[in-house]
């Protein structure tokens, strides 16, 4: 091989490595995007607990509920999303949610 052929081969290999890295990154982003779930597609019931009112769901046959449950399990059974606090009950099939308290903005002089 000539020096020009060596440079061309190296450049091509670097390009292919970059393409491979880009494909791997795109696959990961697509995989993460599919984890999303829509809480509006889940059946919730209003109930009262010792700390006040909240909503609960046992909509176990719903794919959105299954995705939510998987996400919660990945976050040690609780997470906050879009102003709601979600948690898994001890039976591992019931999920509760409660609107997070919003702290009012304080005025500055």
C-alpha atoms as a PDB file:
ATOM      1  CA  UNK A   1       0.000   0.000   0.000  1.00  0.00           C
ATOM      2  CA  UNK A   2       1.093   3.521  -0.700  1.00  0.00           C
ATOM      3  CA  UNK A   3       1.067   6.288   1.847  1.00  0.00           C
ATOM      4  CA  UNK A   4      -2.052   7.805   0.193  1.00  0.00           C
ATOM      5  CA  UNK A   5      -3.852   4.444   0.357  1.00  0.00           C
ATOM      6  CA  UNK A   6      -2.939   4.126   4.052  1.00  0.00           C
ATOM      7  CA  UNK A   7      -4.334   7.600   4.776  1.00  0.00           C
ATOM      8  CA  UNK A   8      -7.498   6.801   2.821  1.00  0.00           C
ATOM      9  CA  UNK A   9      -7.954   3.499   4.706  1.00  0.00           C
ATOM     10  CA  UNK A  10      -7.451   5.200   8.061  1.00  0.00           C
ATOM     11  CA  UNK A  11      -9.905   7.960   7.145  1.00  0.00           C
ATOM     12  CA  UNK A  12     -12.490   5.402   6.012  1.00  0.00           C
ATOM     13  CA  UNK A  13     -12.113   3.385   9.231  1.00  0.00           C
ATOM     14  CA  UNK A  14     -12.480   6.528  11.340  1.00  0.00           C
ATOM     15  CA  UNK A  15     -15.604   7.450   9.391  1.00  0.00           C
ATOM     16  CA  UNK A  16     -17.097   3.980   9.875  1.00  0.00           C
ATOM     17  CA  UNK A  17     -16.327   4.106  13.615  1.00  0.00           C
ATOM     18  CA  UNK A  18     -18.094   7.468  13.836  1.00  0.00           C
ATOM     19  CA  UNK A  19     -21.120   6.091  11.965  1.00  0.00           C
ATOM     20  CA  UNK A  20     -21.215   3.067  14.282  1.00  0.00           C
ATOM     21  CA  UNK A  21     -21.109   5.324  17.357  1.00  0.00           C
ATOM     22  CA  UNK A  22     -23.905   7.464  15.904  1.00  0.00           C
ATOM     23  CA  UNK A  23     -26.073   4.421  15.260  1.00  0.00           C
ATOM     24  CA  UNK A  24     -25.525   3.153  18.816  1.00  0.00           C
ATOM     25  CA  UNK A  25     -26.447   6.575  20.213  1.00  0.00           C
ATOM     26  CA  UNK A  26     -29.584   6.755  18.056  1.00  0.00           C
ATOM     27  CA  UNK A  27     -30.665   3.274  19.172  1.00  0.00           C
ATOM     28  CA  UNK A  28     -30.294   4.297  22.821  1.00  0.00           C
ATOM     29  CA  UNK A  29     -32.332   7.488  22.310  1.00  0.00           C
ATOM     30  CA  UNK A  30     -35.100   5.565  20.547  1.00  0.00           C
ATOM     31  CA  UNK A  31     -35.135   2.974  23.329  1.00  0.00           C
ATOM     32  CA  UNK A  32     -35.416   5.706  25.972  1.00  0.00           C
ATOM     33  CA  UNK A  33     -38.210   7.453  24.068  1.00  0.00           C
ATOM     34  CA  UNK A  34     -40.282   4.256  24.041  1.00  0.00           C
ATOM     35  CA  UNK A  35     -40.184   4.073  27.840  1.00  0.00           C
ATOM     36  CA  UNK A  36     -42.540   7.054  28.080  1.00  0.00           C
ATOM     37  CA  UNK A  37     -46.081   6.623  29.367  1.00  0.00           C
ATOM     38  CA  UNK A  38     -49.211   8.762  29.382  1.00  0.00           C
ATOM     39  CA  UNK A  39     -50.890   9.029  32.802  1.00  0.00           C
ATOM     40  CA  UNK A  40     -54.061  10.343  31.132  1.00  0.00           C
ATOM     41  CA  UNK A  41     -54.505   6.919  29.492  1.00  0.00           C
ATOM     42  CA  UNK A  42     -54.516   5.206  32.912  1.00  0.00           C
ATOM     43  CA  UNK A  43     -57.707   4.659  34.927  1.00  0.00           C
ATOM     44  CA  UNK A  44     -57.375   6.495  38.276  1.00  0.00           C
ATOM     45  CA  UNK A  45     -59.777   6.501  41.220  1.00  0.00           C
ATOM     46  CA  UNK A  46     -60.027   9.215  43.837  1.00  0.00           C
ATOM     47  CA  UNK A  47     -59.480   8.053  47.408  1.00  0.00           C
ATOM     48  CA  UNK A  48     -58.610   9.383  50.858  1.00  0.00           C
ATOM     49  CA  UNK A  49     -55.481   8.468  52.804  1.00  0.00           C
ATOM     50  CA  UNK A  50     -54.002   9.441  56.153  1.00  0.00           C
ATOM     51  CA  UNK A  51     -52.180  12.316  54.444  1.00  0.00           C
ATOM     52  CA  UNK A  52     -55.191  13.515  52.499  1.00  0.00           C
ATOM     53  CA  UNK A  53     -56.761  12.836  49.117  1.00  0.00           C
ATOM     54  CA  UNK A  54     -54.860  11.065  46.357  1.00  0.00           C
ATOM     55  CA  UNK A  55     -55.498   8.929  43.294  1.00  0.00           C
ATOM     56  CA  UNK A  56     -54.737   5.243  42.892  1.00  0.00           C
ATOM     57  CA  UNK A  57     -54.697   2.793  40.036  1.00  0.00           C
ATOM     58  CA  UNK A  58     -54.599  -0.962  39.557  1.00  0.00           C
ATOM     59  CA  UNK A  59     -55.090  -0.773  35.782  1.00  0.00           C
ATOM     60  CA  UNK A  60     -52.736  -3.750  35.326  1.00  0.00           C
ATOM     61  CA  UNK A  61     -53.940  -4.795  31.846  1.00  0.00           C
ATOM     62  CA  UNK A  62     -53.201  -1.337  30.422  1.00  0.00           C
ATOM     63  CA  UNK A  63     -49.881  -1.008  28.511  1.00  0.00           C
ATOM     64  CA  UNK A  64     -49.507   2.578  29.786  1.00  0.00           C
ATOM     65  CA  UNK A  65     -49.841   1.336  33.384  1.00  0.00           C
ATOM     66  CA  UNK A  66     -47.253  -1.371  32.720  1.00  0.00           C
ATOM     67  CA  UNK A  67     -44.819   1.207  31.312  1.00  0.00           C
ATOM     68  CA  UNK A  68     -45.439   3.476  34.319  1.00  0.00           C
ATOM     69  CA  UNK A  69     -44.854   0.594  36.719  1.00  0.00           C
ATOM     70  CA  UNK A  70     -41.598  -0.295  34.964  1.00  0.00           C
ATOM     71  CA  UNK A  71     -40.453   3.339  35.145  1.00  0.00           C
ATOM     72  CA  UNK A  72     -41.346   3.504  38.840  1.00  0.00           C
ATOM     73  CA  UNK A  73     -39.442   0.282  39.527  1.00  0.00           C
ATOM     74  CA  UNK A  74     -36.406   1.787  37.795  1.00  0.00           C
ATOM     75  CA  UNK A  75     -36.661   4.745  40.218  1.00  0.00           C
ATOM     76  CA  UNK A  76     -36.908   2.690  43.428  1.00  0.00           C
ATOM     77  CA  UNK A  77     -40.700   2.812  43.529  1.00  0.00           C
ATOM     78  CA  UNK A  78     -41.269   6.565  43.461  1.00  0.00           C
ATOM     79  CA  UNK A  79     -40.824   9.545  41.190  1.00  0.00           C
ATOM     80  CA  UNK A  80     -42.124  13.009  40.423  1.00  0.00           C
ATOM     81  CA  UNK A  81     -43.297  13.813  36.925  1.00  0.00           C
ATOM     82  CA  UNK A  82     -45.149  16.828  35.523  1.00  0.00           C
ATOM     83  CA  UNK A  83     -46.152  18.058  38.981  1.00  0.00           C
ATOM     84  CA  UNK A  84     -47.349  14.671  40.267  1.00  0.00           C
ATOM     85  CA  UNK A  85     -45.653  12.429  42.821  1.00  0.00           C
ATOM     86  CA  UNK A  86     -46.069   8.703  41.982  1.00  0.00           C
ATOM     87  CA  UNK A  87     -45.341   5.700  44.207  1.00  0.00           C
ATOM     88  CA  UNK A  88     -45.822   1.931  44.216  1.00  0.00           C
ATOM     89  CA  UNK A  89     -47.710   0.315  47.083  1.00  0.00           C
ATOM     90  CA  UNK A  90     -46.243  -2.689  48.926  1.00  0.00           C
ATOM     91  CA  UNK A  91     -48.397  -5.118  46.927  1.00  0.00           C
ATOM     92  CA  UNK A  92     -46.339  -4.032  43.863  1.00  0.00           C
ATOM     93  CA  UNK A  93     -49.460  -3.795  41.637  1.00  0.00           C
ATOM     94  CA  UNK A  94     -51.074  -0.589  42.944  1.00  0.00           C
ATOM     95  CA  UNK A  95     -49.772   2.861  42.129  1.00  0.00           C
ATOM     96  CA  UNK A  96     -50.705   6.054  43.929  1.00  0.00           C
ATOM     97  CA  UNK A  97     -50.283   9.607  42.778  1.00  0.00           C
ATOM     98  CA  UNK A  98     -50.709  12.979  44.414  1.00  0.00           C
ATOM     99  CA  UNK A  99     -50.310  16.497  43.088  1.00  0.00           C
ATOM    100  CA  UNK A 100     -47.078  18.037  44.405  1.00  0.00           C
ATOM    101  CA  UNK A 101     -47.525  21.163  46.488  1.00  0.00           C
ATOM    102  CA  UNK A 102     -46.315  24.167  44.589  1.00  0.00           C
ATOM    103  CA  UNK A 103     -44.461  26.682  46.713  1.00  0.00           C
ATOM    104  CA  UNK A 104     -45.594  30.245  45.962  1.00  0.00           C
ATOM    105  CA  UNK A 105     -42.963  32.594  44.597  1.00  0.00           C
ATOM    106  CA  UNK A 106     -41.649  34.998  47.191  1.00  0.00           C
ATOM    107  CA  UNK A 107     -41.556  38.684  46.445  1.00  0.00           C
ATOM    108  CA  UNK A 108     -38.236  40.442  46.529  1.00  0.00           C
ATOM    109  CA  UNK A 109     -37.779  44.123  47.218  1.00  0.00           C
END
